[in-house]
Amino acid sequence: MGDAFIRHIELLGYEKRFFPSQHYVYMFLVKWNDLSEKLVYRRFTEIYEFHKALKEMFPIESGDINPENRIIPHLPAPKWFDGQRSTQNRQGTLAEYCYTLVNLPHKISRCGHVVSFFKVWPDDTSPVTDSQIKKPEVFLLPKDSKKNPTDITGPIVLQTYRVIADYEKSSRSEMALKTGEMVDVVEKSESGWWFCQLKNKRGWVPAAYLEPIDGPDESEEQEPNYAGELYVVQKSYTAIEEDELTLKEGDTIEVIHKLLDGWWVIRKDEATGFYPSMYLQKSGEENSPVKSELRNRSAPPRRSTIRNMKSIHKQGRKQISQETYRRNSRKYIQSRRNMKGNFKEKANIIIEKNEQEENRPKAQPAVPPRPSKDLIMNRCTESTRRKIL
């Protein structure tokens, strides 16, 4: 019959899963050339990694050489903190993307990369679950939305940001900026370097030089998490500003606030301060060539260091002072210590009670009184009575 290829990909909806932690997966019905239909589940981060690899395989068709030759569809970068709203809103974009992907020239739509990505993986048939955690919640697309992907959404629109200050590029991969220019963000990296395009120009720019059009604050930026996430320092950095921390490679720290400009607030013991996120790696994660290459670049500039910044918003961006970070962090650390202390005290009390109960002499059972002869004669059988008489 020849090599397998995909005839159609239909987005059915998404699942909200709770193991090993809460996350979302999209459900695709993949129709193959042998008329078989398979159900597969993919995270958006997996789809985006697939998309980036596809662009590298076909640089002409992806517009890297000449933007006018692009036929591979756009796909916005994943948000750092995907929630149910962003997962739901992205369904139209994904439906349109799959529709366009399958209808590309055969050298792309039927290449091994596309075929292998949409094949059934082991986790598709038997996903890892935990009986103690509640079952996944399924959210299906309305039936009317499946008839035509173009009914769900229009063309994919990239986010537009405004430049707040002039920026001179320092490498060929970067892009120079002028105050007031409007750029489209193609990819947001947690390193603080964003890949943008302006007319026919494309390149990396510092996120600190960009501001949203609607307001000064970023809707994607999460709130501080004083519980902290364990990270390992992959590259040393010497503090330049007073609110930064100096760390060496191999140090273990806790990230308490992830900011979009690539400078995260971290905690080392009881000290807090800013540190370049591109020099950190989550504890337990394996290193990758992409991350290693990224660390060879310099850290992006911080927004607080930008001079002659001109914003269109009357109200400035909300900022948290380091004193607030330190105060709340100390409170959390103290509460955590108190919880541990209370737990130990309760454990000791239980142990002492158990020991006391074990050492206490056990009560002996009472000896029942011996029954009288008349009582025995009344209750015994006829055979026993004859033997006694």
Protein backbone atom coordinates (compact mmCIF):
# COMPACT_ATOMS: atom_id res chain seq x y z
CA MET A 1 0.00 0.00 0.00
CA GLY A 2 3.03 2.30 0.38
CA ASP A 3 4.10 4.60 3.17
CA ALA A 4 1.50 5.71 5.69
CA PHE A 5 0.29 9.30 5.56
CA ILE A 6 -2.38 11.39 7.24
CA ARG A 7 -5.60 12.26 5.40
CA HIS A 8 -7.15 14.46 8.08
CA ILE A 9 -6.60 15.67 11.66
CA GLU A 10 -9.63 16.67 13.71
CA LEU A 11 -9.38 18.44 17.06
CA LEU A 12 -11.99 16.96 19.40
CA GLY A 13 -11.31 19.05 22.51
CA TYR A 14 -9.03 18.81 25.52
CA GLU A 15 -8.61 16.99 28.82
CA LYS A 16 -7.78 18.43 32.22
CA ARG A 17 -5.53 15.92 33.98
CA PHE A 18 -4.36 15.88 37.60
CA PHE A 19 -1.40 13.45 37.58
CA PRO A 20 1.50 13.84 38.15
CA SER A 21 0.31 17.48 38.47
CA GLN A 22 -2.53 19.47 36.92
CA HIS A 23 -2.05 19.94 33.17
CA TYR A 24 -4.00 19.97 29.89
CA VAL A 25 -3.77 17.76 26.80
CA TYR A 26 -5.50 18.18 23.44
CA MET A 27 -7.41 15.29 21.85
CA PHE A 28 -6.91 14.68 18.12
CA LEU A 29 -8.68 12.18 15.87
CA VAL A 30 -6.11 11.27 13.20
CA LYS A 31 -7.45 9.71 9.98
CA TRP A 32 -4.88 7.70 8.00
CA ASN A 33 -4.63 6.62 4.38
CA ASP A 34 -5.60 3.02 5.27
CA LEU A 35 -8.98 4.43 6.48
CA SER A 36 -8.08 3.79 10.14
CA GLU A 37 -8.82 6.44 12.78
CA LYS A 38 -6.67 6.84 15.89
CA LEU A 39 -7.10 9.02 18.98
CA VAL A 40 -3.95 10.75 20.25
CA TYR A 41 -3.29 13.18 23.10
CA ARG A 42 -0.67 15.95 22.97
CA ARG A 43 0.36 18.79 25.25
CA PHE A 44 0.69 22.19 23.61
CA THR A 45 4.38 22.35 24.55
CA GLU A 46 4.90 19.09 22.61
CA ILE A 47 3.04 20.51 19.61
CA TYR A 48 5.14 23.66 19.69
CA GLU A 49 8.42 21.70 19.84
CA PHE A 50 7.20 19.67 16.86
CA HIS A 51 6.40 22.94 15.05
CA LYS A 52 9.87 24.40 15.69
CA ALA A 53 11.58 21.24 14.41
CA LEU A 54 9.40 21.29 11.28
CA LYS A 55 10.48 24.87 10.56
CA GLU A 56 14.15 23.88 10.88
CA MET A 57 13.63 21.02 8.42
CA PHE A 58 12.05 23.33 5.83
CA PRO A 59 13.69 26.77 6.20
CA ILE A 60 12.44 28.05 2.82
CA GLU A 61 8.82 27.05 3.42
CA SER A 62 8.98 28.47 6.96
CA GLY A 63 10.07 31.88 5.64
CA ASP A 64 13.46 31.97 7.36
CA ILE A 65 15.19 32.90 4.10
CA ASN A 66 12.43 35.02 2.60
CA PRO A 67 9.23 35.73 4.60
CA GLU A 68 7.23 35.91 1.36
CA ASN A 69 7.88 32.20 0.68
CA ARG A 70 6.35 31.04 3.95
CA ILE A 71 3.64 28.40 3.66
CA ILE A 72 4.08 26.64 7.01
CA PRO A 73 1.45 28.18 9.32
CA HIS A 74 2.28 30.29 12.33
CA LEU A 75 1.85 28.88 15.82
CA PRO A 76 2.08 31.20 18.85
CA ALA A 77 4.56 30.20 21.53
CA PRO A 78 3.13 28.56 24.66
CA LYS A 79 2.41 30.72 27.67
CA TRP A 80 4.53 30.02 30.68
CA PHE A 81 1.60 29.38 32.95
CA ASP A 82 -1.08 27.77 30.84
CA GLY A 83 -4.49 27.65 32.45
CA GLN A 84 -7.87 26.40 31.33
CA ARG A 85 -8.80 29.69 29.66
CA SER A 86 -5.71 29.80 27.43
CA THR A 87 -6.11 26.08 26.65
CA GLN A 88 -9.72 26.62 25.59
CA ASN A 89 -9.02 29.79 23.59
CA ARG A 90 -6.20 28.10 21.67
CA GLN A 91 -8.44 25.37 20.20
CA GLY A 92 -9.40 27.42 17.14
CA THR A 93 -5.75 28.18 16.42
CA LEU A 94 -4.83 24.49 16.65
CA ALA A 95 -7.73 23.39 14.45
CA GLU A 96 -6.66 25.87 11.77
CA TYR A 97 -3.01 24.83 12.13
CA CYS A 98 -3.79 21.11 11.65
CA TYR A 99 -6.06 21.84 8.68
CA THR A 100 -3.30 23.85 6.96
CA LEU A 101 -0.58 21.34 7.90
CA VAL A 102 -2.32 18.37 6.27
CA ASN A 103 -2.91 20.38 3.08
CA LEU A 104 0.72 21.43 2.62
CA PRO A 105 2.80 19.88 -0.21
CA HIS A 106 3.41 16.17 0.30
CA LYS A 107 7.12 16.62 1.04
CA ILE A 108 6.02 18.41 4.25
CA SER A 109 2.61 16.95 5.15
CA ARG A 110 3.77 13.35 4.54
CA CYS A 111 7.32 13.61 5.89
CA GLY A 112 8.49 11.27 8.63
CA HIS A 113 8.48 14.03 11.23
CA VAL A 114 4.75 14.70 10.79
CA VAL A 115 3.82 11.02 10.54
CA SER A 116 5.76 9.99 13.67
CA PHE A 117 4.40 12.86 15.77
CA PHE A 118 0.76 11.96 15.13
CA LYS A 119 1.21 8.20 15.47
CA VAL A 120 -0.20 6.52 18.56
CA TRP A 121 2.24 6.70 21.47
CA PRO A 122 2.14 4.32 24.48
CA ASP A 123 0.72 7.05 26.72
CA ASP A 124 -2.19 7.54 24.28
CA THR A 125 -3.56 4.06 24.97
CA SER A 126 -2.58 3.73 28.63
CA PRO A 127 -1.90 7.12 30.23
CA VAL A 128 -0.13 7.18 33.58
CA THR A 129 -2.72 7.67 36.32
CA ASP A 130 -3.08 7.47 40.08
CA SER A 131 -6.15 5.91 41.64
CA GLN A 132 -5.92 8.34 44.58
CA ILE A 133 -6.27 11.37 42.28
CA LYS A 134 -9.54 12.27 40.58
CA LYS A 135 -10.12 11.24 36.98
CA PRO A 136 -9.42 13.59 34.04
CA GLU A 137 -12.13 16.07 33.04
CA VAL A 138 -13.02 16.08 29.32
CA PHE A 139 -14.04 19.23 27.42
CA LEU A 140 -15.30 18.60 23.88
CA LEU A 141 -15.58 21.14 21.09
CA PRO A 142 -19.16 22.04 20.10
CA LYS A 143 -20.33 19.98 17.13
CA ASP A 144 -20.95 23.08 15.05
CA SER A 145 -17.31 24.09 15.44
CA LYS A 146 -16.05 20.85 13.84
CA LYS A 147 -17.68 21.43 10.46
CA ASN A 148 -15.21 24.04 9.33
CA PRO A 149 -12.08 25.11 11.22
CA THR A 150 -12.38 28.61 9.78
CA ASP A 151 -15.66 29.00 11.70
CA ILE A 152 -13.74 28.75 14.97
CA THR A 153 -11.25 31.52 14.38
CA GLY A 154 -9.84 33.85 11.78
CA PRO A 155 -6.19 34.02 10.74
CA ILE A 156 -3.65 33.50 13.52
CA VAL A 157 -2.81 36.94 14.93
CA LEU A 158 0.50 37.42 16.72
CA GLN A 159 0.63 39.57 19.84
CA THR A 160 1.71 43.15 19.20
CA TYR A 161 3.91 45.04 21.66
CA ARG A 162 5.18 48.62 21.74
CA VAL A 163 8.86 49.54 22.13
CA ILE A 164 9.45 51.81 25.15
CA ALA A 165 13.09 52.83 24.44
CA ASP A 166 15.76 52.65 21.74
CA TYR A 167 17.79 49.43 21.68
CA GLU A 168 21.01 48.80 19.77
CA LYS A 169 21.60 45.17 18.87
CA SER A 170 24.84 43.52 19.98
CA SER A 171 24.78 40.43 17.74
CA ARG A 172 23.53 39.37 14.30
CA SER A 173 20.67 37.35 15.79
CA GLU A 174 19.22 40.41 17.56
CA MET A 175 17.08 43.23 16.16
CA ALA A 176 17.50 46.97 16.78
CA LEU A 177 14.50 48.85 18.13
CA LYS A 178 13.26 52.44 18.07
CA THR A 179 10.94 53.99 20.66
CA GLY A 180 7.30 53.77 19.63
CA GLU A 181 7.70 50.96 17.07
CA MET A 182 5.12 48.16 17.08
CA VAL A 183 6.57 44.64 16.85
CA ASP A 184 4.86 41.25 16.56
CA VAL A 185 6.05 38.67 19.07
CA VAL A 186 6.60 35.28 17.41
CA GLU A 187 8.11 33.46 20.41
CA LYS A 188 8.39 34.28 24.09
CA SER A 189 11.34 32.68 25.85
CA GLU A 190 11.50 32.52 29.63
CA SER A 191 15.11 33.74 29.30
CA GLY A 192 13.78 37.26 28.71
CA TRP A 193 14.78 37.27 25.02
CA TRP A 194 11.74 37.35 22.71
CA PHE A 195 11.80 36.61 18.97
CA CYS A 196 9.99 39.42 17.15
CA GLN A 197 9.30 40.64 13.65
CA LEU A 198 8.89 44.16 12.28
CA LYS A 199 7.96 44.31 8.60
CA ASN A 200 10.74 42.26 6.93
CA LYS A 201 13.07 42.31 9.95
CA ARG A 202 13.18 39.50 12.49
CA GLY A 203 15.38 38.89 15.51
CA TRP A 204 15.72 38.54 19.28
CA VAL A 205 14.94 41.56 21.47
CA PRO A 206 14.90 42.04 25.27
CA ALA A 207 11.40 41.65 26.69
CA ALA A 208 12.15 44.55 29.09
CA TYR A 209 12.01 46.96 26.12
CA LEU A 210 8.45 45.94 25.21
CA GLU A 211 5.11 46.76 26.79
CA PRO A 212 1.58 45.48 26.10
CA ILE A 213 -0.80 47.81 24.27
CA ASP A 214 -3.77 47.30 26.61
CA GLY A 215 -2.05 48.05 29.91
CA PRO A 216 1.28 48.17 31.73
CA ASP A 217 0.89 44.76 33.38
CA GLU A 218 1.36 41.37 31.78
CA SER A 219 -1.62 39.01 32.09
CA GLU A 220 0.72 36.01 31.73
CA GLU A 221 2.93 36.93 34.69
CA GLN A 222 2.17 34.77 37.70
CA GLU A 223 1.99 35.87 41.32
CA PRO A 224 4.88 35.20 43.74
CA ASN A 225 5.08 31.67 45.09
CA TYR A 226 6.83 31.86 48.44
CA ALA A 227 6.79 28.08 48.77
CA GLY A 228 9.48 28.21 46.08
CA GLU A 229 10.57 25.81 43.34
CA LEU A 230 13.98 24.15 43.56
CA TYR A 231 16.42 25.15 40.81
CA VAL A 232 20.14 24.56 40.28
CA VAL A 233 22.52 27.29 39.10
CA GLN A 234 24.07 26.29 35.77
CA LYS A 235 26.19 29.41 35.30
CA SER A 236 27.77 31.76 37.84
CA TYR A 237 26.78 35.40 37.94
CA THR A 238 28.16 38.36 39.93
CA ALA A 239 25.58 40.88 41.07
CA ILE A 240 25.76 44.34 39.49
CA GLU A 241 22.72 45.96 41.08
CA GLU A 242 22.04 46.00 44.82
CA ASP A 243 18.89 43.89 44.51
CA GLU A 244 20.65 41.05 42.64
CA LEU A 245 22.33 37.95 44.08
CA THR A 246 25.79 36.57 43.38
CA LEU A 247 25.79 32.79 42.95
CA LYS A 248 28.16 30.15 41.67
CA GLU A 249 27.56 27.13 39.48
CA GLY A 250 26.06 24.20 41.36
CA ASP A 251 24.24 26.25 44.01
CA THR A 252 20.70 25.13 44.84
CA ILE A 253 18.15 27.92 45.22
CA GLU A 254 14.38 28.44 45.34
CA VAL A 255 12.55 30.49 42.70
CA ILE A 256 9.73 32.51 44.29
CA HIS A 257 8.70 34.81 41.40
CA LYS A 258 9.05 34.19 37.65
CA LEU A 259 9.04 37.44 35.70
CA LEU A 260 8.63 37.77 31.94
CA ASP A 261 11.72 39.92 31.46
CA GLY A 262 13.94 36.94 32.32
CA TRP A 263 15.02 38.15 35.78
CA TRP A 264 13.51 35.92 38.45
CA VAL A 265 13.34 36.55 42.17
CA ILE A 266 15.11 33.74 43.97
CA ARG A 267 15.78 32.76 47.58
CA LYS A 268 19.09 31.48 48.91
CA ASP A 269 18.69 30.58 52.59
CA GLU A 270 16.90 33.74 53.81
CA ALA A 271 18.34 36.14 51.21
CA THR A 272 16.25 37.14 48.17
CA GLY A 273 17.21 38.93 44.95
CA PHE A 274 17.08 38.94 41.16
CA TYR A 275 18.98 36.39 39.04
CA PRO A 276 18.99 35.68 35.26
CA SER A 277 16.56 32.82 34.59
CA MET A 278 18.65 31.64 31.62
CA TYR A 279 21.37 30.55 34.07
CA LEU A 280 18.99 28.34 36.08
CA GLN A 281 17.67 24.85 35.54
CA LYS A 282 14.83 23.15 37.40
CA SER A 283 16.03 20.52 39.85
CA GLY A 284 15.75 17.02 38.35
CA GLU A 285 15.52 18.18 34.72
CA GLU A 286 18.12 17.07 32.21
CA ASN A 287 20.23 19.60 30.38
CA SER A 288 19.62 20.12 26.65
CA PRO A 289 21.82 21.47 23.82
CA VAL A 290 19.37 24.36 23.30
CA LYS A 291 19.65 25.46 26.93
CA SER A 292 23.43 25.08 26.90
CA GLU A 293 23.70 27.24 23.79
CA LEU A 294 21.37 29.85 25.30
CA ARG A 295 23.59 30.23 28.37
CA ASN A 296 26.46 31.36 26.17
CA ARG A 297 24.52 34.57 25.53
CA SER A 298 24.56 37.51 27.90
CA ALA A 299 21.68 38.11 30.27
CA PRO A 300 19.00 40.50 28.93
CA PRO A 301 18.85 44.02 30.38
CA ARG A 302 16.48 44.64 33.25
CA ARG A 303 13.62 47.09 32.92
CA SER A 304 14.88 49.07 35.92
CA THR A 305 18.16 49.78 34.07
CA ILE A 306 16.54 51.22 30.91
CA ARG A 307 17.08 54.96 30.56
CA ASN A 308 14.73 57.39 28.79
CA MET A 309 11.87 54.89 29.00
CA LYS A 310 8.66 56.28 27.46
CA SER A 311 5.44 54.41 28.18
CA ILE A 312 2.02 55.18 26.73
CA HIS A 313 0.34 54.18 29.98
CA LYS A 314 -0.35 56.77 32.67
CA GLN A 315 -0.05 54.20 35.43
CA GLY A 316 3.29 52.44 35.76
CA ARG A 317 3.86 48.73 35.94
CA LYS A 318 3.22 47.20 39.35
CA GLN A 319 6.47 46.28 41.02
CA ILE A 320 7.18 44.46 44.26
CA SER A 321 10.05 45.73 46.38
CA GLN A 322 12.79 43.42 47.59
CA GLU A 323 11.80 44.28 51.16
CA THR A 324 8.33 42.87 50.45
CA TYR A 325 9.86 39.73 48.94
CA ARG A 326 12.13 39.29 51.98
CA ARG A 327 9.38 39.94 54.52
CA ASN A 328 6.89 37.52 52.95
CA SER A 329 9.61 34.96 52.36
CA ARG A 330 10.68 35.06 56.02
CA LYS A 331 7.04 34.68 57.08
CA TYR A 332 6.66 31.60 54.91
CA ILE A 333 9.94 30.06 56.12
CA GLN A 334 8.93 30.69 59.74
CA SER A 335 5.47 29.19 59.24
CA ARG A 336 7.07 26.15 57.60
CA ARG A 337 9.40 25.73 60.58
CA ASN A 338 6.49 26.07 63.01
CA MET A 339 4.54 23.42 61.11
CA LYS A 340 7.53 21.07 61.29
CA GLY A 341 7.93 21.80 65.01
CA ASN A 342 4.24 21.15 65.72
CA PHE A 343 4.40 17.93 63.74
CA LYS A 344 7.41 16.74 65.75
CA GLU A 345 5.71 17.62 69.05
CA LYS A 346 2.58 15.71 68.06
CA ALA A 347 4.70 12.76 66.96
CA ASN A 348 6.57 12.75 70.30
CA ILE A 349 3.29 12.90 72.25
CA ILE A 350 1.94 9.92 70.31
CA ILE A 351 5.17 7.97 70.91
CA GLU A 352 5.06 8.74 74.67
CA LYS A 353 1.42 7.65 74.90
CA ASN A 354 2.21 4.42 73.10
CA GLU A 355 5.17 3.74 75.41
CA GLN A 356 3.05 4.43 78.50
CA GLU A 357 0.37 2.06 77.30
CA GLU A 358 2.96 -0.63 76.57
CA ASN A 359 4.61 -0.28 80.03
CA ARG A 360 1.29 -0.24 81.91
CA PRO A 361 0.60 -3.69 83.55
CA LYS A 362 -2.14 -5.52 81.77
CA ALA A 363 -5.30 -6.31 83.82
CA GLN A 364 -5.85 -10.01 84.61
CA PRO A 365 -9.26 -11.53 83.77
CA ALA A 366 -11.56 -12.12 86.76
CA VAL A 367 -12.08 -15.77 87.86
CA PRO A 368 -15.78 -16.66 87.54
CA PRO A 369 -17.50 -18.17 90.67
CA ARG A 370 -17.94 -21.92 90.74
CA PRO A 371 -21.60 -22.96 90.07
CA SER A 372 -23.52 -24.75 92.81
CA LYS A 373 -24.51 -28.44 92.63
CA ASP A 374 -28.21 -27.60 92.21
CA LEU A 375 -27.44 -25.23 89.30
CA ILE A 376 -25.35 -27.90 87.61
CA MET A 377 -28.14 -30.48 88.06
CA ASN A 378 -30.71 -28.14 86.53
CA ARG A 379 -28.61 -27.26 83.46
CA CYS A 380 -26.85 -30.52 82.66
CA THR A 381 -28.11 -33.21 80.31
CA GLU A 382 -29.95 -36.38 81.41
CA SER A 383 -26.85 -38.46 80.67
CA THR A 384 -24.66 -36.29 82.91
CA ARG A 385 -27.26 -36.30 85.71
CA ARG A 386 -27.34 -40.15 85.76
CA LYS A 387 -23.55 -40.24 86.04
CA ILE A 388 -23.53 -37.84 89.00
CA LEU A 389 -26.34 -39.66 90.85
